[in-house]
Amino acid sequence: MTVKVCGMREPNNITALAKLPIDLIGFIFYEKSPRFVGEDLMNWVQENGSVLEGIKRVGVTVNREIDEILNLTHDYTLDYVQLHGNESPEYCAEIISFWDASSVHRAELVKAFAIDEKFDFEQTKAYEPHCAFFVFDTKGDQKGGTGQKFNWDLLAQYQGETPFLLSGGIDPDSAEAIQKLQHPKMMGIDLNSKFETESGIKNIDELKLFLYELGKR
């Protein structure tokens, strides 16, 4: 199972997290988020890249201009760009066309969808040609995560071909419920606020125990 831990913003916490069996680490480039990362942290990440050896970097963005996406990807050697706003399939295609036409560092795209009882999973189809995977998160009033679970029974409505990460309100007591999920396209989970001592600071001991319960060792 692929595990992404998102919303990291403190060097010592990142260093401790990197010792756990995780696959993806998320950095939030959205100024309104309490987990927003600035140049200082990302420069530290670049200078201490060996700390994250074997862990892919995900840059989380919300309705950024395309040139900003290109610059963030290049400057911080991102492996994935997660689009968490109202970005269209055409927007995704334009980013990829820029990468195809240049020699700058490129990443793969990830689209996050805000799920509630009214969500139409058919909306995901137009993004399939452009995205490595999706993130299914809980719909809220603001952009970004809510820290709340949506009704996971809704996942049965997703019949697409693109794999997804489950996000939204996963907490230290969720391991058993996650192991019971049988969706063929669920590639893993996205963890954030329910494992924090404060915004952007993860409880490493809780994460370690949770990952052990999931069978990640």
Protein backbone atom coordinates (compact mmCIF):
# COMPACT_ATOMS: atom_id res chain seq x y z
CA MET A 1 0.00 0.00 0.00
CA THR A 2 1.34 3.41 -1.00
CA VAL A 3 1.48 5.90 1.88
CA LYS A 4 1.69 9.66 1.42
CA VAL A 5 2.22 11.98 4.38
CA CYS A 6 1.27 15.53 3.50
CA GLY A 7 1.63 19.00 4.97
CA MET A 8 5.23 18.78 6.19
CA ARG A 9 6.98 22.07 7.00
CA GLU A 10 9.73 21.57 9.64
CA PRO A 11 13.20 20.09 8.95
CA ASN A 12 13.60 17.97 12.09
CA ASN A 13 10.10 16.54 11.69
CA ILE A 14 10.79 15.76 8.03
CA THR A 15 14.05 14.03 8.96
CA ALA A 16 12.24 11.85 11.52
CA LEU A 17 9.40 11.08 9.11
CA ALA A 18 11.81 10.00 6.39
CA LYS A 19 12.96 7.10 8.57
CA LEU A 20 9.47 5.56 8.42
CA PRO A 21 8.28 3.30 5.57
CA ILE A 22 6.46 5.98 3.57
CA ASP A 23 6.43 6.46 -0.19
CA LEU A 24 5.40 10.06 -0.80
CA ILE A 25 5.88 13.31 1.12
CA GLY A 26 3.66 16.30 0.44
CA PHE A 27 4.63 19.97 0.57
CA ILE A 28 1.78 22.49 0.38
CA PHE A 29 2.32 25.52 -1.86
CA TYR A 30 -0.96 27.21 -0.97
CA GLU A 31 -0.50 30.45 0.94
CA LYS A 32 -3.80 30.20 2.80
CA SER A 33 -2.90 26.85 4.35
CA PRO A 34 -1.38 26.73 7.87
CA ARG A 35 0.97 24.13 6.38
CA PHE A 36 2.23 26.42 3.62
CA VAL A 37 5.92 25.96 2.89
CA GLY A 38 8.17 28.81 1.87
CA GLU A 39 11.50 29.11 0.14
CA ASP A 40 13.55 28.53 3.28
CA LEU A 41 12.14 25.07 3.90
CA MET A 42 12.27 24.03 0.26
CA ASN A 43 15.84 25.25 -0.02
CA TRP A 44 16.62 23.08 3.01
CA VAL A 45 14.98 20.13 1.26
CA GLN A 46 17.12 20.72 -1.81
CA GLU A 47 20.30 20.99 0.23
CA ASN A 48 19.47 17.87 2.24
CA GLY A 49 18.04 15.73 -0.50
CA SER A 50 19.67 12.56 0.80
CA VAL A 51 17.29 12.68 3.78
CA LEU A 52 14.42 11.90 1.41
CA GLU A 53 16.19 9.21 -0.58
CA GLY A 54 13.60 6.79 -1.93
CA ILE A 55 10.69 9.08 -1.04
CA LYS A 56 8.89 10.94 -3.84
CA ARG A 57 8.15 14.66 -3.46
CA VAL A 58 4.64 15.95 -4.06
CA GLY A 59 3.92 19.66 -4.43
CA VAL A 60 0.31 20.48 -3.55
CA THR A 61 -1.06 23.53 -5.38
CA VAL A 62 -4.39 25.32 -5.75
CA ASN A 63 -5.29 27.16 -8.97
CA ARG A 64 -1.71 28.27 -9.67
CA GLU A 65 -0.66 29.91 -12.91
CA ILE A 66 0.98 27.42 -15.25
CA ASP A 67 4.33 29.20 -15.21
CA GLU A 68 4.32 28.94 -11.41
CA ILE A 69 3.74 25.18 -11.65
CA LEU A 70 6.64 24.84 -14.05
CA ASN A 71 8.94 26.87 -11.80
CA LEU A 72 8.00 25.03 -8.60
CA THR A 73 8.52 21.68 -10.28
CA HIS A 74 11.93 22.68 -11.58
CA ASP A 75 13.20 24.63 -8.57
CA TYR A 76 12.31 21.94 -6.00
CA THR A 77 12.75 18.81 -8.12
CA LEU A 78 9.21 17.67 -7.54
CA ASP A 79 8.15 14.19 -8.62
CA TYR A 80 4.43 14.97 -8.60
CA VAL A 81 2.28 18.11 -8.72
CA GLN A 82 -1.05 17.64 -6.95
CA LEU A 83 -3.75 19.96 -8.24
CA HIS A 84 -6.20 20.69 -5.45
CA GLY A 85 -8.30 23.47 -6.96
CA ASN A 86 -10.58 23.92 -9.98
CA GLU A 87 -7.95 23.00 -12.55
CA SER A 88 -9.46 21.74 -15.82
CA PRO A 89 -8.33 18.84 -18.02
CA GLU A 90 -7.20 21.45 -20.56
CA TYR A 91 -5.02 23.07 -17.88
CA CYS A 92 -3.41 19.67 -17.23
CA ALA A 93 -2.82 19.09 -20.92
CA GLU A 94 -1.18 22.51 -21.28
CA ILE A 95 1.26 21.82 -18.44
CA ILE A 96 2.24 18.51 -19.99
CA SER A 97 2.69 20.12 -23.40
CA PHE A 98 5.13 22.63 -21.89
CA TRP A 99 7.11 19.80 -20.29
CA ASP A 100 7.12 17.85 -23.55
CA ALA A 101 8.47 20.85 -25.44
CA SER A 102 11.32 21.68 -23.03
CA SER A 103 14.20 20.09 -21.19
CA VAL A 104 13.32 21.46 -17.73
CA HIS A 105 12.66 19.07 -14.86
CA ARG A 106 9.17 17.65 -15.14
CA ALA A 107 6.83 15.83 -12.81
CA GLU A 108 3.65 13.80 -13.08
CA LEU A 109 0.26 15.32 -12.38
CA VAL A 110 -2.15 14.28 -9.66
CA LYS A 111 -5.71 15.62 -9.45
CA ALA A 112 -7.54 15.85 -6.14
CA PHE A 113 -11.34 15.62 -6.09
CA ALA A 114 -13.59 16.81 -3.27
CA ILE A 115 -16.07 14.01 -2.52
CA ASP A 116 -19.54 14.24 -1.01
CA GLU A 117 -22.84 12.47 -1.59
CA LYS A 118 -23.50 14.53 -4.74
CA PHE A 119 -20.12 13.97 -6.40
CA ASP A 120 -20.28 12.52 -9.92
CA PHE A 121 -17.29 10.23 -10.42
CA GLU A 122 -17.75 10.55 -14.18
CA GLN A 123 -15.98 13.91 -13.80
CA THR A 124 -12.70 12.06 -13.37
CA LYS A 125 -12.70 10.54 -16.85
CA ALA A 126 -11.49 13.68 -18.63
CA TYR A 127 -8.43 13.78 -16.37
CA GLU A 128 -7.36 10.18 -16.91
CA PRO A 129 -5.09 10.88 -19.90
CA HIS A 130 -3.15 13.48 -17.92
CA CYS A 131 -2.80 12.16 -14.37
CA ALA A 132 -0.69 9.45 -12.76
CA PHE A 133 -3.25 9.02 -10.00
CA PHE A 134 -6.09 10.81 -8.22
CA VAL A 135 -6.69 11.83 -4.61
CA PHE A 136 -10.22 11.45 -3.26
CA ASP A 137 -10.64 13.87 -0.36
CA THR A 138 -13.59 15.16 1.64
CA LYS A 139 -15.51 18.12 0.24
CA GLY A 140 -15.41 21.21 2.44
CA ASP A 141 -16.18 24.90 2.29
CA GLN A 142 -12.55 25.85 1.66
CA LYS A 143 -9.86 24.54 -0.66
CA GLY A 144 -7.63 21.85 0.81
CA GLY A 145 -8.30 19.15 3.34
CA THR A 146 -11.01 19.22 5.97
CA GLY A 147 -9.68 16.65 8.41
CA GLN A 148 -13.01 14.82 8.09
CA LYS A 149 -13.91 11.50 6.49
CA PHE A 150 -16.39 11.22 3.67
CA ASN A 151 -18.62 8.18 3.25
CA TRP A 152 -16.18 5.56 1.95
CA ASP A 153 -19.08 3.54 0.56
CA LEU A 154 -19.17 6.13 -2.22
CA LEU A 155 -15.91 4.74 -3.59
CA ALA A 156 -17.88 1.88 -5.14
CA GLN A 157 -19.20 4.42 -7.67
CA TYR A 158 -15.71 4.98 -9.07
CA GLN A 159 -15.28 2.79 -12.15
CA GLY A 160 -12.30 4.54 -13.70
CA GLU A 161 -8.92 3.13 -14.69
CA THR A 162 -6.70 5.63 -12.86
CA PRO A 163 -5.57 4.56 -9.36
CA PHE A 164 -6.31 6.76 -6.37
CA LEU A 165 -5.17 7.63 -2.87
CA LEU A 166 -7.81 7.80 -0.16
CA SER A 167 -7.63 11.02 1.85
CA GLY A 168 -9.67 12.96 4.36
CA GLY A 169 -9.78 12.41 8.09
CA ILE A 170 -7.77 9.19 8.27
CA ASP A 171 -6.70 8.88 11.89
CA PRO A 172 -4.68 6.51 14.12
CA ASP A 173 -7.77 4.31 14.58
CA SER A 174 -8.46 3.87 10.85
CA ALA A 175 -6.09 0.99 10.03
CA GLU A 176 -8.63 -1.82 10.36
CA ALA A 177 -11.26 -0.02 8.27
CA ILE A 178 -8.72 0.76 5.56
CA GLN A 179 -7.62 -2.86 5.38
CA LYS A 180 -11.23 -3.87 4.75
CA LEU A 181 -11.55 -1.62 1.69
CA GLN A 182 -11.43 -3.73 -1.46
CA HIS A 183 -11.57 -1.22 -4.33
CA PRO A 184 -9.28 -2.47 -7.15
CA LYS A 185 -7.99 1.02 -7.96
CA MET A 186 -7.18 2.13 -4.42
CA MET A 187 -3.40 2.35 -4.42
CA GLY A 188 -2.97 3.77 -0.93
CA ILE A 189 -3.71 6.52 1.55
CA ASP A 190 -2.90 10.17 2.19
CA LEU A 191 -2.28 11.14 5.84
CA ASN A 192 -2.20 14.62 7.32
CA SER A 193 -3.92 16.49 10.12
CA LYS A 194 -5.11 13.58 12.28
CA PHE A 195 -1.48 12.68 12.99
CA GLU A 196 -0.39 16.16 14.05
CA THR A 197 0.57 17.75 17.33
CA GLU A 198 0.12 21.14 15.61
CA SER A 199 -0.34 22.28 12.03
CA GLY A 200 2.45 20.83 9.93
CA ILE A 201 4.10 18.88 12.77
CA LYS A 202 3.49 15.13 12.69
CA ASN A 203 3.44 12.77 15.66
CA ILE A 204 6.10 10.32 14.51
CA ASP A 205 5.28 7.70 17.15
CA GLU A 206 1.60 7.63 16.13
CA LEU A 207 2.54 7.33 12.46
CA LYS A 208 5.01 4.54 13.19
CA LEU A 209 2.40 2.50 15.07
CA PHE A 210 -0.25 3.15 12.43
CA LEU A 211 2.04 2.04 9.61
CA TYR A 212 2.91 -1.10 11.57
CA GLU A 213 -0.78 -1.89 11.94
CA LEU A 214 -1.16 -1.48 8.17
CA GLY A 215 1.66 -3.93 7.59
CA LYS A 216 4.16 -1.27 6.45
CA ARG A 217 7.46 -2.22 8.05
